[in-house]
Amino acid sequence: MHRIGLDLGTSYSKGVLVTSDNRIAAYLAVKTGYDFKSAAKKIIDFLSEKNEIEYPIYSCGYGREQIDGAYLANSEITALARAVFAKYQQALEVIDIGGQDTKYIRISATGRVEKFKLNRKCAAGTGAFLEEIAFRLDIVPEKFDELAGQATESIKLNSYCTVFAVSEILGLIKQGISLPNIILGIYNSIIKRCEEMAPLQNALVLTGGIPDKHAKIVQLFKEIYPGTTSPDLSQFLAAYGCVLLNKKQVYCK
């Protein structure tokens, strides 16, 4: 029997198939779109196609209750902390950079969530921020890493708002600033937004879709905080943590 964990986010929905000994056997991420139930069904159908599933489905994220069938909803903060602590087994801090928000979590030596914080009600420094910039520049976000690697210096961005940041970036291009230098500046701007959430230490773990897809950001964090790590499949950790929590309570239908 396998269990399924879902993290239904506003930009992407993620799911993992977990074995009886708590190994991730399969995973899938899909764009959420406007319908959480449809996104959840796509993932569940894919993960259960050749596997016998033990219900309920364990879920977290903005759409955690938008599931057809038996499910058990969990806090995304608690689920992510559980998965990260299961891997590292030590006191640490987590920065999770997702599609629409950034989360800071401090975890104790016993795995308890001591503190957490969400970013401002603004998409600056998130996946949506990068996607909007990529759209305006007519390049794919996946090319950002390659461009940042060609930079000779980092350009400081002064704007906090995504809309104003895009305008500022277009202005820099008109001034003849190279695109690689601008992209590196964008990455450093994301790091700055993260640092404003809380004083960070060296025992730092980066999770979420942005660290998964933009390795240069992880590298830049390591240059500032040498103890920084980012595990494989980090954007799936909250979904995995839902299963690890395995709460014993009545589930919803």
Protein backbone atom coordinates (compact mmCIF):
# COMPACT_ATOMS: atom_id res chain seq x y z
CA MET A 1 0.00 0.00 0.00
CA HIS A 2 1.15 3.51 -0.83
CA ARG A 3 0.11 6.88 0.55
CA ILE A 4 -0.24 10.16 -1.34
CA GLY A 5 0.72 13.61 -0.11
CA LEU A 6 -0.44 16.76 -1.92
CA ASP A 7 0.72 20.36 -1.69
CA LEU A 8 -1.91 22.36 -3.58
CA GLY A 9 -0.33 25.76 -4.21
CA THR A 10 -1.65 28.79 -6.07
CA SER A 11 0.88 28.42 -8.91
CA TYR A 12 1.76 24.72 -8.88
CA SER A 13 0.28 21.65 -7.21
CA LYS A 14 2.72 18.96 -6.15
CA GLY A 15 2.17 15.35 -5.16
CA VAL A 16 4.28 12.45 -3.90
CA LEU A 17 3.69 8.72 -3.72
CA VAL A 18 5.15 7.35 -0.48
CA THR A 19 5.92 3.71 0.30
CA SER A 20 5.15 1.95 3.58
CA ASP A 21 8.73 2.64 4.73
CA ASN A 22 8.37 6.36 3.95
CA ARG A 23 10.34 6.52 0.69
CA ILE A 24 9.21 8.75 -2.19
CA ALA A 25 8.43 6.34 -5.01
CA ALA A 26 7.06 8.87 -7.52
CA TYR A 27 6.16 12.54 -7.77
CA LEU A 28 4.43 15.00 -10.06
CA ALA A 29 3.94 18.77 -10.28
CA VAL A 30 1.26 20.41 -12.42
CA LYS A 31 0.12 23.99 -12.91
CA THR A 32 -2.79 24.62 -10.59
CA GLY A 33 -4.71 26.96 -12.85
CA TYR A 34 -8.13 28.01 -11.55
CA ASP A 35 -9.31 24.60 -10.29
CA PHE A 36 -7.61 22.97 -7.29
CA LYS A 37 -9.83 19.89 -7.56
CA SER A 38 -8.81 19.30 -11.16
CA ALA A 39 -5.11 19.72 -10.33
CA ALA A 40 -5.43 17.33 -7.39
CA LYS A 41 -7.22 14.75 -9.54
CA LYS A 42 -4.49 14.85 -12.20
CA ILE A 43 -1.85 14.10 -9.61
CA ILE A 44 -3.84 11.42 -7.78
CA ASP A 45 -4.74 9.67 -11.05
CA PHE A 46 -1.10 9.69 -12.14
CA LEU A 47 0.30 8.41 -8.83
CA SER A 48 -2.39 5.76 -8.35
CA GLU A 49 -2.40 4.43 -11.92
CA LYS A 50 -0.28 1.36 -11.11
CA ASN A 51 -0.33 1.48 -7.32
CA GLU A 52 -2.76 0.55 -4.57
CA ILE A 53 -3.47 3.66 -2.48
CA GLU A 54 -4.22 3.84 1.22
CA TYR A 55 -6.70 6.60 2.03
CA PRO A 56 -7.09 9.34 3.16
CA ILE A 57 -5.02 11.56 0.89
CA TYR A 58 -2.83 13.87 2.99
CA SER A 59 -2.86 17.50 1.85
CA CYS A 60 -1.59 21.00 2.55
CA GLY A 61 -1.40 24.34 0.73
CA TYR A 62 -4.00 26.90 -0.29
CA GLY A 63 -6.20 24.25 -1.90
CA ARG A 64 -5.76 21.59 0.78
CA GLU A 65 -9.52 21.13 1.22
CA GLN A 66 -10.35 21.15 -2.49
CA ILE A 67 -10.09 17.41 -3.01
CA ASP A 68 -12.75 14.94 -4.12
CA GLY A 69 -12.75 11.89 -1.88
CA ALA A 70 -11.29 11.20 1.55
CA TYR A 71 -8.54 13.56 2.63
CA LEU A 72 -6.78 14.88 5.72
CA ALA A 73 -5.73 18.54 5.57
CA ASN A 74 -2.54 19.74 7.29
CA SER A 75 -0.71 23.00 7.90
CA GLU A 76 1.84 23.62 5.16
CA ILE A 77 4.26 25.09 7.71
CA THR A 78 4.05 22.02 9.94
CA ALA A 79 4.28 19.61 7.01
CA LEU A 80 7.34 21.30 5.52
CA ALA A 81 9.06 21.47 8.90
CA ARG A 82 8.39 17.77 9.48
CA ALA A 83 9.92 16.76 6.16
CA VAL A 84 12.98 18.98 6.54
CA PHE A 85 13.64 17.81 10.10
CA ALA A 86 13.25 14.18 9.02
CA LYS A 87 16.12 14.69 6.58
CA TYR A 88 18.51 16.77 8.71
CA GLN A 89 17.65 15.88 12.34
CA GLN A 90 18.99 19.15 13.77
CA ALA A 91 18.01 22.70 14.64
CA LEU A 92 17.90 24.80 11.49
CA GLU A 93 16.13 27.49 9.53
CA VAL A 94 14.12 27.06 6.36
CA ILE A 95 13.46 29.55 3.57
CA ASP A 96 10.78 28.27 1.21
CA ILE A 97 10.50 30.31 -2.00
CA GLY A 98 7.32 29.41 -3.85
CA GLY A 99 5.21 30.71 -6.68
CA GLN A 100 3.28 33.34 -4.73
CA ASP A 101 4.93 33.64 -1.31
CA THR A 102 8.09 33.09 0.69
CA LYS A 103 8.10 31.39 4.09
CA TYR A 104 10.61 31.48 6.92
CA ILE A 105 10.56 28.65 9.49
CA ARG A 106 12.83 28.11 12.49
CA ILE A 107 12.95 24.50 13.68
CA SER A 108 14.24 23.42 17.10
CA ALA A 109 16.64 20.55 17.82
CA THR A 110 13.61 18.39 18.58
CA GLY A 111 11.80 19.24 15.34
CA ARG A 112 9.34 21.74 16.80
CA VAL A 113 8.40 24.86 14.84
CA GLU A 114 9.70 27.73 17.01
CA LYS A 115 8.89 30.59 14.67
CA PHE A 116 7.52 31.18 11.20
CA LYS A 117 6.81 34.16 9.02
CA LEU A 118 5.34 34.83 5.59
CA ASN A 119 6.50 37.56 3.24
CA ARG A 120 4.53 40.74 2.65
CA LYS A 121 1.31 40.59 0.67
CA CYS A 122 3.32 41.02 -2.50
CA ALA A 123 4.76 38.61 -5.07
CA ALA A 124 8.19 40.32 -5.14
CA GLY A 125 10.94 37.75 -4.67
CA THR A 126 8.75 34.76 -5.61
CA GLY A 127 8.23 32.59 -8.66
CA ALA A 128 5.53 34.92 -9.92
CA PHE A 129 8.08 37.75 -9.78
CA LEU A 130 10.51 35.83 -11.99
CA GLU A 131 7.80 34.71 -14.39
CA GLU A 132 6.52 38.27 -14.84
CA ILE A 133 10.04 39.54 -15.57
CA ALA A 134 10.68 36.65 -17.97
CA PHE A 135 7.42 37.39 -19.78
CA ARG A 136 8.27 41.07 -20.18
CA LEU A 137 11.78 40.22 -21.41
CA ASP A 138 10.45 37.47 -23.73
CA ILE A 139 12.70 34.76 -22.31
CA VAL A 140 11.91 31.60 -20.35
CA PRO A 141 12.65 31.68 -16.58
CA GLU A 142 14.77 28.52 -16.95
CA LYS A 143 17.32 30.58 -18.92
CA PHE A 144 17.93 32.92 -15.97
CA ASP A 145 20.55 30.64 -14.40
CA GLU A 146 22.62 30.57 -17.59
CA LEU A 147 22.43 34.34 -17.96
CA ALA A 148 23.32 35.02 -14.31
CA GLY A 149 26.38 32.83 -14.75
CA GLN A 150 27.62 35.24 -17.45
CA ALA A 151 27.33 38.33 -15.23
CA THR A 152 30.36 40.49 -14.45
CA GLU A 153 28.66 42.50 -11.70
CA SER A 154 25.34 42.64 -9.85
CA ILE A 155 22.99 45.55 -10.46
CA LYS A 156 21.05 46.65 -7.39
CA LEU A 157 17.29 46.88 -7.82
CA ASN A 158 15.59 49.50 -5.67
CA SER A 159 11.95 48.59 -6.30
CA TYR A 160 10.08 46.30 -3.91
CA CYS A 161 6.93 45.97 -6.03
CA THR A 162 6.91 43.54 -8.96
CA VAL A 163 5.28 46.09 -11.27
CA PHE A 164 7.79 48.82 -10.42
CA ALA A 165 10.69 46.35 -10.54
CA VAL A 166 9.78 45.42 -14.12
CA SER A 167 9.72 49.11 -15.07
CA GLU A 168 13.07 49.61 -13.38
CA ILE A 169 14.56 46.63 -15.24
CA LEU A 170 13.32 47.92 -18.60
CA GLY A 171 14.90 51.27 -17.75
CA LEU A 172 18.23 49.59 -17.00
CA ILE A 173 18.12 47.82 -20.35
CA LYS A 174 17.58 51.16 -22.10
CA GLN A 175 20.66 52.44 -20.28
CA GLY A 176 22.70 49.66 -21.85
CA ILE A 177 23.11 47.50 -18.73
CA SER A 178 23.76 43.91 -19.81
CA LEU A 179 20.99 41.36 -19.29
CA PRO A 180 23.26 38.91 -17.35
CA ASN A 181 24.14 41.66 -14.86
CA ILE A 182 20.46 42.52 -14.47
CA ILE A 183 19.47 38.87 -13.92
CA LEU A 184 22.15 38.52 -11.24
CA GLY A 185 20.73 41.65 -9.65
CA ILE A 186 17.27 40.08 -9.71
CA TYR A 187 18.60 36.98 -7.94
CA ASN A 188 20.30 39.10 -5.29
CA SER A 189 17.06 41.06 -4.87
CA ILE A 190 15.29 37.78 -4.03
CA ILE A 191 17.95 36.99 -1.44
CA LYS A 192 17.51 40.45 0.05
CA ARG A 193 13.75 39.90 0.40
CA CYS A 194 14.47 36.64 2.23
CA GLU A 195 16.98 38.26 4.59
CA GLU A 196 14.40 40.89 5.55
CA MET A 197 12.12 38.20 6.97
CA ALA A 198 14.44 37.21 9.83
CA PRO A 199 18.15 37.19 10.82
CA LEU A 200 19.51 34.10 9.05
CA GLN A 201 22.13 31.67 10.35
CA ASN A 202 24.46 29.23 8.61
CA ALA A 203 22.25 26.18 9.22
CA LEU A 204 19.92 27.24 6.41
CA VAL A 205 17.84 24.99 4.17
CA LEU A 206 16.32 26.34 0.95
CA THR A 207 13.16 24.70 -0.35
CA GLY A 208 10.49 25.41 -2.93
CA GLY A 209 10.23 25.64 -6.68
CA ILE A 210 12.70 28.52 -7.04
CA PRO A 211 15.71 26.75 -5.42
CA ASP A 212 14.75 23.61 -7.38
CA LYS A 213 14.80 25.41 -10.73
CA HIS A 214 17.36 28.17 -10.13
CA ALA A 215 20.59 26.63 -8.85
CA LYS A 216 22.39 29.98 -9.06
CA ILE A 217 20.23 31.35 -6.24
CA VAL A 218 21.31 28.44 -4.03
CA GLN A 219 24.95 29.16 -4.92
CA LEU A 220 24.56 32.85 -4.06
CA PHE A 221 23.02 31.95 -0.69
CA LYS A 222 25.98 29.64 0.00
CA GLU A 223 28.42 32.48 -0.65
CA ILE A 224 26.72 34.48 2.12
CA TYR A 225 25.75 31.58 4.42
CA PRO A 226 28.27 28.74 3.82
CA GLY A 227 26.15 26.22 5.74
CA THR A 228 23.29 26.53 3.25
CA THR A 229 21.87 23.36 1.67
CA SER A 230 18.98 22.63 -0.67
CA PRO A 231 17.80 19.01 -0.89
CA ASP A 232 16.67 17.24 -4.04
CA LEU A 233 12.96 17.54 -4.83
CA SER A 234 12.71 20.43 -2.40
CA GLN A 235 9.45 21.70 -3.89
CA PHE A 236 7.85 18.36 -2.97
CA LEU A 237 8.87 18.38 0.70
CA ALA A 238 5.64 19.89 2.05
CA ALA A 239 3.62 17.20 0.25
CA TYR A 240 5.97 14.56 1.67
CA GLY A 241 5.70 16.05 5.15
CA CYS A 242 1.91 15.66 5.05
CA VAL A 243 2.39 11.91 4.86
CA LEU A 244 5.08 11.86 7.55
CA LEU A 245 2.78 13.70 9.97
CA ASN A 246 0.27 10.85 9.59
CA LYS A 247 -2.15 12.37 12.06
CA LYS A 248 -4.58 10.05 13.77
CA GLN A 249 -7.90 11.82 13.50
CA VAL A 250 -11.16 11.70 11.60
CA TYR A 251 -10.67 12.73 8.00
CA CYS A 252 -12.94 14.73 5.71
CA LYS A 253 -15.10 13.57 2.81
